[in-house]
Amino acid sequence: MATGLFSSSSSRKRNGGAVDASIEDQLHEIREDIAQLVALIADRGVEASREVKAKASSTRKHAESDLKDLLENGEQMLSDLRSRYADTEREVRRAVREHPVATLGAAAAIGLIAAALLRR
């Protein structure tokens, strides 16, 4: 006779405790399978979490290194600009000292051109 889950109630009554025991066994097996799945999912979650943390740490270290390089390059560029500005300032002062009349004439010409452009 059939003792499955979908067998008739009359056959269940005849078999009595055998059907209940079979169902209990099946339920126990299902619970064990679910527990194993939960443990497997938890293990995979822990492993994935470790991988993500390692990648994040690596990315953070790489970003910090890149930022440090960028700051060093920026400081070097700023230093170069200051040096160029100081050199240009020295050249302008030297030119004014060597040619004061020409410098005054150039300044007057620039002023006249600026005034003519602003009137329009």
N, C-alpha and C. Protein backbone atom coordinates (compact mmCIF):
# COMPACT_ATOMS: atom_id res chain seq x y z
N MET A 1 0.84 -1.18 0.00
CA MET A 1 0.00 0.00 0.00
C MET A 1 0.88 1.23 0.00
N ALA A 2 0.29 2.31 -0.47
CA ALA A 2 1.04 3.55 -0.56
C ALA A 2 1.07 4.22 0.80
N THR A 3 2.26 4.63 1.20
CA THR A 3 2.40 5.35 2.47
C THR A 3 2.95 6.73 2.23
N GLY A 4 2.78 7.28 1.04
CA GLY A 4 3.31 8.58 0.69
C GLY A 4 2.52 9.71 1.32
N LEU A 5 2.91 10.85 1.01
CA LEU A 5 2.30 12.05 1.57
C LEU A 5 0.88 12.25 1.07
N PHE A 6 0.61 11.79 -0.16
CA PHE A 6 -0.70 12.03 -0.77
C PHE A 6 -1.59 10.79 -0.77
N SER A 7 -1.29 9.85 0.02
CA SER A 7 -2.13 8.65 0.08
C SER A 7 -3.42 8.96 0.80
N SER A 8 -4.42 8.13 0.63
CA SER A 8 -5.75 8.40 1.19
C SER A 8 -5.74 8.31 2.70
N SER A 9 -6.72 8.93 3.30
CA SER A 9 -6.79 8.93 4.76
C SER A 9 -7.05 7.54 5.31
N SER A 10 -7.76 6.70 4.55
CA SER A 10 -8.02 5.36 5.04
C SER A 10 -6.74 4.55 5.13
N SER A 11 -5.83 4.76 4.16
CA SER A 11 -4.58 4.02 4.23
C SER A 11 -3.71 4.57 5.36
N ARG A 12 -3.83 5.85 5.61
CA ARG A 12 -3.07 6.41 6.74
C ARG A 12 -3.56 5.84 8.07
N LYS A 13 -4.88 5.67 8.15
CA LYS A 13 -5.43 5.13 9.40
C LYS A 13 -4.98 3.68 9.61
N ARG A 14 -4.89 2.95 8.50
CA ARG A 14 -4.47 1.55 8.60
C ARG A 14 -3.01 1.44 9.03
N ASN A 15 -2.18 2.32 8.42
CA ASN A 15 -0.75 2.25 8.74
C ASN A 15 -0.44 2.92 10.06
N GLY A 16 -1.29 3.81 10.49
CA GLY A 16 -1.19 4.42 11.80
C GLY A 16 0.07 5.24 11.99
N GLY A 17 0.92 4.80 12.89
CA GLY A 17 2.13 5.52 13.25
C GLY A 17 3.19 5.50 12.17
N ALA A 18 3.14 4.59 11.23
CA ALA A 18 4.15 4.50 10.18
C ALA A 18 4.12 5.73 9.30
N VAL A 19 2.93 6.24 8.98
CA VAL A 19 2.81 7.43 8.15
C VAL A 19 3.33 8.64 8.91
N ASP A 20 2.94 8.77 10.15
CA ASP A 20 3.41 9.89 10.96
C ASP A 20 4.92 9.87 11.12
N ALA A 21 5.47 8.69 11.29
CA ALA A 21 6.92 8.56 11.43
C ALA A 21 7.62 8.93 10.13
N SER A 22 7.02 8.53 9.01
CA SER A 22 7.59 8.85 7.71
C SER A 22 7.59 10.37 7.48
N ILE A 23 6.51 11.01 7.84
CA ILE A 23 6.40 12.46 7.68
C ILE A 23 7.40 13.15 8.60
N GLU A 24 7.51 12.67 9.82
CA GLU A 24 8.47 13.23 10.77
C GLU A 24 9.89 13.09 10.25
N ASP A 25 10.19 11.92 9.67
CA ASP A 25 11.53 11.70 9.10
C ASP A 25 11.80 12.67 7.96
N GLN A 26 10.79 12.84 7.10
CA GLN A 26 10.94 13.76 5.97
C GLN A 26 11.13 15.20 6.46
N LEU A 27 10.34 15.58 7.45
CA LEU A 27 10.47 16.92 8.01
C LEU A 27 11.85 17.11 8.64
N HIS A 28 12.33 16.10 9.31
CA HIS A 28 13.66 16.16 9.93
C HIS A 28 14.73 16.33 8.85
N GLU A 29 14.62 15.57 7.75
CA GLU A 29 15.57 15.68 6.65
C GLU A 29 15.53 17.07 6.02
N ILE A 30 14.32 17.60 5.85
CA ILE A 30 14.17 18.95 5.27
C ILE A 30 14.81 19.99 6.19
N ARG A 31 14.59 19.84 7.47
CA ARG A 31 15.19 20.79 8.43
C ARG A 31 16.72 20.72 8.38
N GLU A 32 17.25 19.51 8.29
CA GLU A 32 18.71 19.36 8.18
C GLU A 32 19.24 19.99 6.90
N ASP A 33 18.51 19.77 5.79
CA ASP A 33 18.92 20.38 4.50
C ASP A 33 18.90 21.90 4.59
N ILE A 34 17.87 22.44 5.21
CA ILE A 34 17.76 23.90 5.36
C ILE A 34 18.90 24.41 6.23
N ALA A 35 19.20 23.70 7.30
CA ALA A 35 20.30 24.11 8.18
C ALA A 35 21.63 24.10 7.43
N GLN A 36 21.83 23.07 6.60
CA GLN A 36 23.05 23.00 5.80
C GLN A 36 23.12 24.15 4.80
N LEU A 37 21.98 24.46 4.17
CA LEU A 37 21.95 25.59 3.22
C LEU A 37 22.25 26.91 3.92
N VAL A 38 21.67 27.09 5.09
CA VAL A 38 21.91 28.32 5.85
C VAL A 38 23.39 28.43 6.21
N ALA A 39 23.99 27.32 6.63
CA ALA A 39 25.41 27.34 6.99
C ALA A 39 26.26 27.64 5.75
N LEU A 40 25.91 27.04 4.61
CA LEU A 40 26.64 27.27 3.38
C LEU A 40 26.54 28.73 2.95
N ILE A 41 25.34 29.28 3.02
CA ILE A 41 25.14 30.69 2.65
C ILE A 41 25.91 31.60 3.60
N ALA A 42 25.91 31.28 4.88
CA ALA A 42 26.65 32.09 5.85
C ALA A 42 28.14 32.04 5.56
N ASP A 43 28.66 30.85 5.25
CA ASP A 43 30.09 30.73 4.92
C ASP A 43 30.43 31.53 3.68
N ARG A 44 29.59 31.45 2.68
CA ARG A 44 29.85 32.21 1.44
C ARG A 44 29.75 33.71 1.70
N GLY A 45 28.84 34.11 2.57
CA GLY A 45 28.72 35.52 2.92
C GLY A 45 29.95 36.03 3.61
N VAL A 46 30.48 35.22 4.52
CA VAL A 46 31.71 35.61 5.24
C VAL A 46 32.87 35.72 4.25
N GLU A 47 32.96 34.76 3.34
CA GLU A 47 34.03 34.76 2.35
C GLU A 47 33.91 35.99 1.43
N ALA A 48 32.70 36.27 0.98
CA ALA A 48 32.49 37.44 0.11
C ALA A 48 32.80 38.73 0.86
N SER A 49 32.45 38.78 2.13
CA SER A 49 32.74 39.95 2.95
C SER A 49 34.24 40.17 3.08
N ARG A 50 34.99 39.11 3.27
CA ARG A 50 36.45 39.22 3.36
C ARG A 50 37.03 39.73 2.05
N GLU A 51 36.52 39.19 0.94
CA GLU A 51 37.03 39.62 -0.37
C GLU A 51 36.76 41.10 -0.60
N VAL A 52 35.55 41.54 -0.26
CA VAL A 52 35.19 42.95 -0.45
C VAL A 52 36.05 43.84 0.44
N LYS A 53 36.27 43.42 1.67
CA LYS A 53 37.12 44.22 2.58
C LYS A 53 38.54 44.31 2.05
N ALA A 54 39.05 43.20 1.52
CA ALA A 54 40.41 43.20 0.98
C ALA A 54 40.50 44.13 -0.24
N LYS A 55 39.51 44.06 -1.11
CA LYS A 55 39.51 44.94 -2.29
C LYS A 55 39.38 46.39 -1.88
N ALA A 56 38.53 46.67 -0.90
CA ALA A 56 38.36 48.04 -0.43
C ALA A 56 39.64 48.57 0.18
N SER A 57 40.31 47.74 0.94
CA SER A 57 41.58 48.15 1.55
C SER A 57 42.62 48.43 0.48
N SER A 58 42.69 47.56 -0.52
CA SER A 58 43.64 47.75 -1.62
C SER A 58 43.33 49.03 -2.39
N THR A 59 42.05 49.25 -2.66
CA THR A 59 41.63 50.45 -3.38
C THR A 59 41.94 51.70 -2.57
N ARG A 60 41.71 51.64 -1.27
CA ARG A 60 41.98 52.79 -0.41
C ARG A 60 43.48 53.11 -0.40
N LYS A 61 44.31 52.07 -0.29
CA LYS A 61 45.75 52.28 -0.29
C LYS A 61 46.21 52.87 -1.62
N HIS A 62 45.63 52.37 -2.71
CA HIS A 62 45.98 52.88 -4.03
C HIS A 62 45.54 54.34 -4.18
N ALA A 63 44.34 54.65 -3.70
CA ALA A 63 43.85 56.03 -3.77
C ALA A 63 44.70 56.96 -2.92
N GLU A 64 45.09 56.51 -1.74
CA GLU A 64 45.94 57.34 -0.88
C GLU A 64 47.29 57.60 -1.55
N SER A 65 47.83 56.58 -2.19
CA SER A 65 49.11 56.73 -2.89
C SER A 65 48.97 57.72 -4.05
N ASP A 66 47.87 57.59 -4.82
CA ASP A 66 47.64 58.51 -5.93
C ASP A 66 47.45 59.94 -5.44
N LEU A 67 46.73 60.11 -4.34
CA LEU A 67 46.51 61.44 -3.78
C LEU A 67 47.82 62.04 -3.30
N LYS A 68 48.64 61.22 -2.68
CA LYS A 68 49.95 61.70 -2.22
C LYS A 68 50.79 62.16 -3.40
N ASP A 69 50.81 61.36 -4.48
CA ASP A 69 51.55 61.73 -5.69
C ASP A 69 51.00 63.03 -6.29
N LEU A 70 49.68 63.15 -6.31
CA LEU A 70 49.06 64.35 -6.85
C LEU A 70 49.43 65.58 -6.03
N LEU A 71 49.42 65.46 -4.73
CA LEU A 71 49.80 66.58 -3.87
C LEU A 71 51.27 66.97 -4.06
N GLU A 72 52.12 65.96 -4.18
CA GLU A 72 53.54 66.25 -4.40
C GLU A 72 53.74 66.95 -5.74
N ASN A 73 53.05 66.49 -6.77
CA ASN A 73 53.15 67.14 -8.09
C ASN A 73 52.60 68.56 -8.05
N GLY A 74 51.50 68.75 -7.33
CA GLY A 74 50.92 70.09 -7.20
C GLY A 74 51.87 71.04 -6.47
N GLU A 75 52.50 70.54 -5.42
CA GLU A 75 53.46 71.37 -4.69
C GLU A 75 54.65 71.72 -5.58
N GLN A 76 55.11 70.76 -6.38
CA GLN A 76 56.22 71.03 -7.30
C GLN A 76 55.83 72.07 -8.35
N MET A 77 54.61 71.95 -8.88
CA MET A 77 54.14 72.93 -9.88
C MET A 77 54.04 74.32 -9.26
N LEU A 78 53.53 74.39 -8.03
CA LEU A 78 53.41 75.67 -7.35
C LEU A 78 54.78 76.28 -7.11
N SER A 79 55.73 75.46 -6.73
CA SER A 79 57.09 75.94 -6.53
C SER A 79 57.68 76.46 -7.84
N ASP A 80 57.44 75.74 -8.95
CA ASP A 80 57.91 76.19 -10.27
C ASP A 80 57.27 77.52 -10.67
N LEU A 81 55.97 77.67 -10.41
CA LEU A 81 55.28 78.92 -10.75
C LEU A 81 55.84 80.09 -9.93
N ARG A 82 56.09 79.84 -8.66
CA ARG A 82 56.66 80.90 -7.82
C ARG A 82 58.04 81.32 -8.34
N SER A 83 58.82 80.34 -8.71
CA SER A 83 60.15 80.61 -9.24
C SER A 83 60.06 81.42 -10.54
N ARG A 84 59.15 81.02 -11.43
CA ARG A 84 58.98 81.76 -12.69
C ARG A 84 58.49 83.18 -12.44
N TYR A 85 57.56 83.32 -11.50
CA TYR A 85 57.05 84.65 -11.17
C TYR A 85 58.18 85.54 -10.63
N ALA A 86 59.00 84.99 -9.77
CA ALA A 86 60.14 85.76 -9.21
C ALA A 86 61.11 86.14 -10.32
N ASP A 87 61.38 85.21 -11.25
CA ASP A 87 62.28 85.51 -12.38
C ASP A 87 61.71 86.62 -13.25
N THR A 88 60.40 86.53 -13.54
CA THR A 88 59.76 87.55 -14.38
C THR A 88 59.78 88.90 -13.68
N GLU A 89 59.53 88.91 -12.39
CA GLU A 89 59.57 90.16 -11.63
C GLU A 89 60.97 90.79 -11.70
N ARG A 90 61.99 89.98 -11.55
CA ARG A 90 63.37 90.49 -11.64
C ARG A 90 63.65 91.07 -13.03
N GLU A 91 63.18 90.40 -14.07
CA GLU A 91 63.39 90.87 -15.44
C GLU A 91 62.68 92.20 -15.69
N VAL A 92 61.45 92.33 -15.19
CA VAL A 92 60.71 93.59 -15.37
C VAL A 92 61.43 94.72 -14.64
N ARG A 93 61.85 94.48 -13.42
CA ARG A 93 62.57 95.53 -12.67
C ARG A 93 63.87 95.91 -13.38
N ARG A 94 64.58 94.94 -13.89
CA ARG A 94 65.82 95.23 -14.61
C ARG A 94 65.55 96.05 -15.87
N ALA A 95 64.48 95.70 -16.60
CA ALA A 95 64.14 96.43 -17.82
C ALA A 95 63.75 97.87 -17.50
N VAL A 96 63.00 98.07 -16.42
CA VAL A 96 62.59 99.43 -16.02
C VAL A 96 63.82 100.25 -15.63
N ARG A 97 64.75 99.65 -14.92
CA ARG A 97 65.96 100.37 -14.52
C ARG A 97 66.83 100.73 -15.72
N GLU A 98 66.93 99.82 -16.67
CA GLU A 98 67.79 100.06 -17.82
C GLU A 98 67.16 101.03 -18.84
N HIS A 99 65.83 100.98 -18.97
CA HIS A 99 65.14 101.81 -19.96
C HIS A 99 63.93 102.51 -19.33
N PRO A 100 64.16 103.51 -18.46
CA PRO A 100 63.03 104.14 -17.77
C PRO A 100 62.14 104.94 -18.72
N VAL A 101 62.72 105.63 -19.71
CA VAL A 101 61.92 106.45 -20.62
C VAL A 101 61.06 105.56 -21.50
N ALA A 102 61.63 104.50 -22.04
CA ALA A 102 60.88 103.57 -22.89
C ALA A 102 59.75 102.92 -22.09
N THR A 103 60.01 102.60 -20.85
CA THR A 103 58.98 101.98 -20.00
C THR A 103 57.84 102.94 -19.77
N LEU A 104 58.17 104.22 -19.50
CA LEU A 104 57.14 105.24 -19.30
C LEU A 104 56.31 105.43 -20.57
N GLY A 105 56.98 105.46 -21.73
CA GLY A 105 56.28 105.61 -23.01
C GLY A 105 55.37 104.43 -23.28
N ALA A 106 55.83 103.22 -22.99
CA ALA A 106 55.01 102.02 -23.20
C ALA A 106 53.80 102.05 -22.28
N ALA A 107 53.99 102.47 -21.04
CA ALA A 107 52.87 102.54 -20.10
C ALA A 107 51.86 103.58 -20.55
N ALA A 108 52.34 104.74 -21.05
CA ALA A 108 51.44 105.78 -21.54
C ALA A 108 50.67 105.28 -22.77
N ALA A 109 51.34 104.59 -23.69
CA ALA A 109 50.68 104.07 -24.88
C ALA A 109 49.60 103.06 -24.50
N ILE A 110 49.92 102.18 -23.56
CA ILE A 110 48.94 101.17 -23.11
C ILE A 110 47.75 101.86 -22.46
N GLY A 111 48.00 102.92 -21.68
CA GLY A 111 46.91 103.67 -21.05
C GLY A 111 46.03 104.34 -22.08
N LEU A 112 46.62 104.96 -23.12
CA LEU A 112 45.82 105.60 -24.18
C LEU A 112 44.97 104.58 -24.92
N ILE A 113 45.54 103.42 -25.24
CA ILE A 113 44.79 102.38 -25.95
C ILE A 113 43.64 101.89 -25.10
N ALA A 114 43.90 101.66 -23.82
CA ALA A 114 42.84 101.19 -22.90
C ALA A 114 41.72 102.21 -22.79
N ALA A 115 42.09 103.52 -22.71
CA ALA A 115 41.08 104.59 -22.60
C ALA A 115 40.26 104.65 -23.89
N ALA A 116 40.90 104.51 -25.04
CA ALA A 116 40.18 104.55 -26.31
C ALA A 116 39.20 103.37 -26.43
N LEU A 117 39.61 102.22 -25.97
CA LEU A 117 38.75 101.03 -26.04
C LEU A 117 37.58 101.12 -25.08
N LEU A 118 37.82 101.73 -23.92
CA LEU A 118 36.75 101.83 -22.92
C LEU A 118 35.72 102.90 -23.30
N ARG A 119 36.08 103.88 -24.12
CA ARG A 119 35.13 104.92 -24.52
C ARG A 119 34.09 104.37 -25.47
N ARG A 120 34.40 103.36 -26.21
CA ARG A 120 33.48 102.83 -27.24
C ARG A 120 32.41 101.99 -26.65
